[in-house]
């Protein structure tokens, strides 16, 4: 499974949130390919080309990563720490998209190098609006060194 430059990696275990995010991207005409990874362990396997992702081309990376913090197997903060400590991967923008408003989560995320921290809105229309703004910014406004 190779990933093209304009794809997104979404690390999210809640299937309802996955569906909301996919619908929000579609509603905002951001019909990019989105790779969905369901837990922290799978995310690391994906990025480090291990397990079922052993054949993935590690030289081709996504435009950005949407990362939930509350994940099974391996917490999102642990995933963030691993990704940002790798010289090849650390330049990929990582946006934490979580329900946590806890100051300790926000502070730790920025300390570990997150590029943006967004709390998931509860209302669908607001959620769609936020996802649309995230997509527009990271696809069209942000200048990236990712090739």
Protein backbone atom coordinates (compact mmCIF):
# COMPACT_ATOMS: atom_id res chain seq x y z
CA UNK A 1 0.00 0.00 0.00
CA UNK A 2 1.79 3.11 -1.21
CA UNK A 3 0.62 6.52 -0.17
CA UNK A 4 0.60 9.57 -2.42
CA UNK A 5 1.68 13.04 -1.33
CA UNK A 6 -1.86 14.37 -0.97
CA UNK A 7 -3.22 11.62 1.19
CA UNK A 8 -4.03 11.88 4.88
CA UNK A 9 -3.33 9.39 7.62
CA UNK A 10 -6.07 9.32 10.25
CA UNK A 11 -5.28 7.51 13.51
CA UNK A 12 -8.66 7.05 15.18
CA UNK A 13 -10.25 4.08 16.94
CA UNK A 14 -13.81 5.42 17.19
CA UNK A 15 -15.65 4.32 14.03
CA UNK A 16 -18.32 6.99 14.52
CA UNK A 17 -15.63 9.70 14.53
CA UNK A 18 -13.95 8.11 11.50
CA UNK A 19 -17.24 8.30 9.59
CA UNK A 20 -17.79 11.91 10.69
CA UNK A 21 -14.31 12.90 9.55
CA UNK A 22 -14.71 11.15 6.19
CA UNK A 23 -18.12 12.79 5.67
CA UNK A 24 -16.74 16.18 6.68
CA UNK A 25 -13.89 15.94 4.17
CA UNK A 26 -16.31 14.90 1.44
CA UNK A 27 -18.77 17.68 2.31
CA UNK A 28 -15.91 20.20 2.03
CA UNK A 29 -14.87 18.79 -1.37
CA UNK A 30 -11.61 17.51 0.09
CA UNK A 31 -11.94 14.09 -1.48
CA UNK A 32 -8.45 12.90 -0.65
CA UNK A 33 -7.52 9.32 0.01
CA UNK A 34 -7.52 8.82 3.74
CA UNK A 35 -5.64 5.95 5.31
CA UNK A 36 -7.41 4.97 8.56
CA UNK A 37 -5.34 3.34 11.29
CA UNK A 38 -7.29 2.10 14.31
CA UNK A 39 -4.75 2.13 17.14
CA UNK A 40 -1.36 3.45 18.14
CA UNK A 41 0.43 0.19 17.46
CA UNK A 42 -0.94 0.04 13.92
CA UNK A 43 0.14 3.65 13.35
CA UNK A 44 3.74 2.88 14.31
CA UNK A 45 3.70 -0.30 12.20
CA UNK A 46 2.48 1.79 9.27
CA UNK A 47 5.06 4.54 9.54
CA UNK A 48 7.98 2.24 10.33
CA UNK A 49 6.88 -0.33 7.70
CA UNK A 50 6.45 -3.28 10.06
CA UNK A 51 3.89 -6.06 10.36
CA UNK A 52 1.26 -5.93 7.62
CA UNK A 53 2.83 -2.70 6.32
CA UNK A 54 6.30 -4.20 5.78
CA UNK A 55 6.07 -3.54 2.01
CA UNK A 56 5.07 0.11 2.37
CA UNK A 57 7.45 2.57 0.73
CA UNK A 58 8.71 4.62 3.71
CA UNK A 59 10.01 7.34 1.38
CA UNK A 60 6.48 8.36 0.39
CA UNK A 61 4.64 10.18 3.16
CA UNK A 62 1.21 11.77 3.66
CA UNK A 63 0.50 15.48 3.50
CA UNK A 64 -0.44 15.37 7.20
CA UNK A 65 -1.54 13.11 10.06
CA UNK A 66 -4.71 13.46 12.12
CA UNK A 67 -4.06 11.79 15.48
CA UNK A 68 -6.47 11.01 18.29
CA UNK A 69 -4.95 10.84 21.77
CA UNK A 70 -7.16 8.21 23.39
CA UNK A 71 -6.15 5.10 21.46
CA UNK A 72 -6.05 1.40 22.32
CA UNK A 73 -2.78 -0.54 22.54
CA UNK A 74 -0.60 2.58 22.46
CA UNK A 75 -1.67 6.06 23.54
CA UNK A 76 -1.64 8.91 21.02
CA UNK A 77 0.98 10.80 23.02
CA UNK A 78 3.30 7.79 22.76
CA UNK A 79 2.69 7.66 19.00
CA UNK A 80 3.39 11.39 18.72
CA UNK A 81 6.63 10.99 20.67
CA UNK A 82 7.84 8.14 18.43
CA UNK A 83 6.94 9.91 15.18
CA UNK A 84 8.47 13.25 16.17
CA UNK A 85 11.70 11.58 17.34
CA UNK A 86 12.30 10.02 13.91
CA UNK A 87 14.31 12.21 11.52
CA UNK A 88 12.46 10.99 8.43
CA UNK A 89 8.94 11.31 9.83
CA UNK A 90 9.19 14.34 12.13
CA UNK A 91 8.66 16.84 9.31
CA UNK A 92 5.17 15.45 8.55
CA UNK A 93 2.63 17.80 10.16
CA UNK A 94 0.69 16.10 12.95
CA UNK A 95 -2.64 17.52 14.05
CA UNK A 96 -4.06 16.15 17.27
CA UNK A 97 -7.83 15.83 16.84
CA UNK A 98 -9.23 14.71 20.16
CA UNK A 99 -12.05 15.16 22.64
CA UNK A 100 -9.59 15.99 25.43
CA UNK A 101 -9.53 19.57 26.65
CA UNK A 102 -7.17 18.66 29.48
CA UNK A 103 -4.35 21.15 29.87
CA UNK A 104 -1.84 18.38 30.53
CA UNK A 105 -2.69 16.73 27.18
CA UNK A 106 -2.41 20.03 25.33
CA UNK A 107 0.92 20.94 26.99
CA UNK A 108 2.40 17.48 26.49
CA UNK A 109 1.33 17.40 22.83
CA UNK A 110 3.07 20.69 22.08
CA UNK A 111 6.10 19.66 24.13
CA UNK A 112 6.38 16.54 21.94
CA UNK A 113 6.16 18.60 18.74
CA UNK A 114 2.55 18.51 17.57
CA UNK A 115 1.81 21.07 14.85
CA UNK A 116 -1.75 21.78 15.95
CA UNK A 117 -4.14 20.69 18.71
CA UNK A 118 -7.87 20.68 17.95
CA UNK A 119 -10.70 19.61 20.23
CA UNK A 120 -13.41 17.72 18.34
CA UNK A 121 -16.62 19.74 18.23
CA UNK A 122 -19.71 17.87 19.40
CA UNK A 123 -22.20 19.35 16.90
CA UNK A 124 -22.04 17.84 13.39
CA UNK A 125 -22.18 21.15 11.50
CA UNK A 126 -19.40 22.62 13.64
CA UNK A 127 -17.40 19.40 13.21
CA UNK A 128 -17.77 19.63 9.41
CA UNK A 129 -16.69 23.29 9.52
CA UNK A 130 -13.60 22.53 11.62
CA UNK A 131 -12.54 19.57 9.45
CA UNK A 132 -13.02 21.74 6.36
CA UNK A 133 -10.78 24.44 7.78
CA UNK A 134 -8.17 21.88 8.80
CA UNK A 135 -8.16 20.40 5.30
CA UNK A 136 -8.04 23.74 3.54
CA UNK A 137 -5.19 24.97 5.69
CA UNK A 138 -2.99 21.86 5.52
CA UNK A 139 -3.67 21.18 1.82
CA UNK A 140 -3.70 24.65 0.32
CA UNK A 141 -2.28 27.28 2.66
CA UNK A 142 0.53 25.53 4.50
CA UNK A 143 3.84 25.27 2.64
CA UNK A 144 5.32 21.85 3.27
CA UNK A 145 8.66 20.19 2.67
CA UNK A 146 6.93 16.80 2.29
CA UNK A 147 7.56 15.38 -1.18
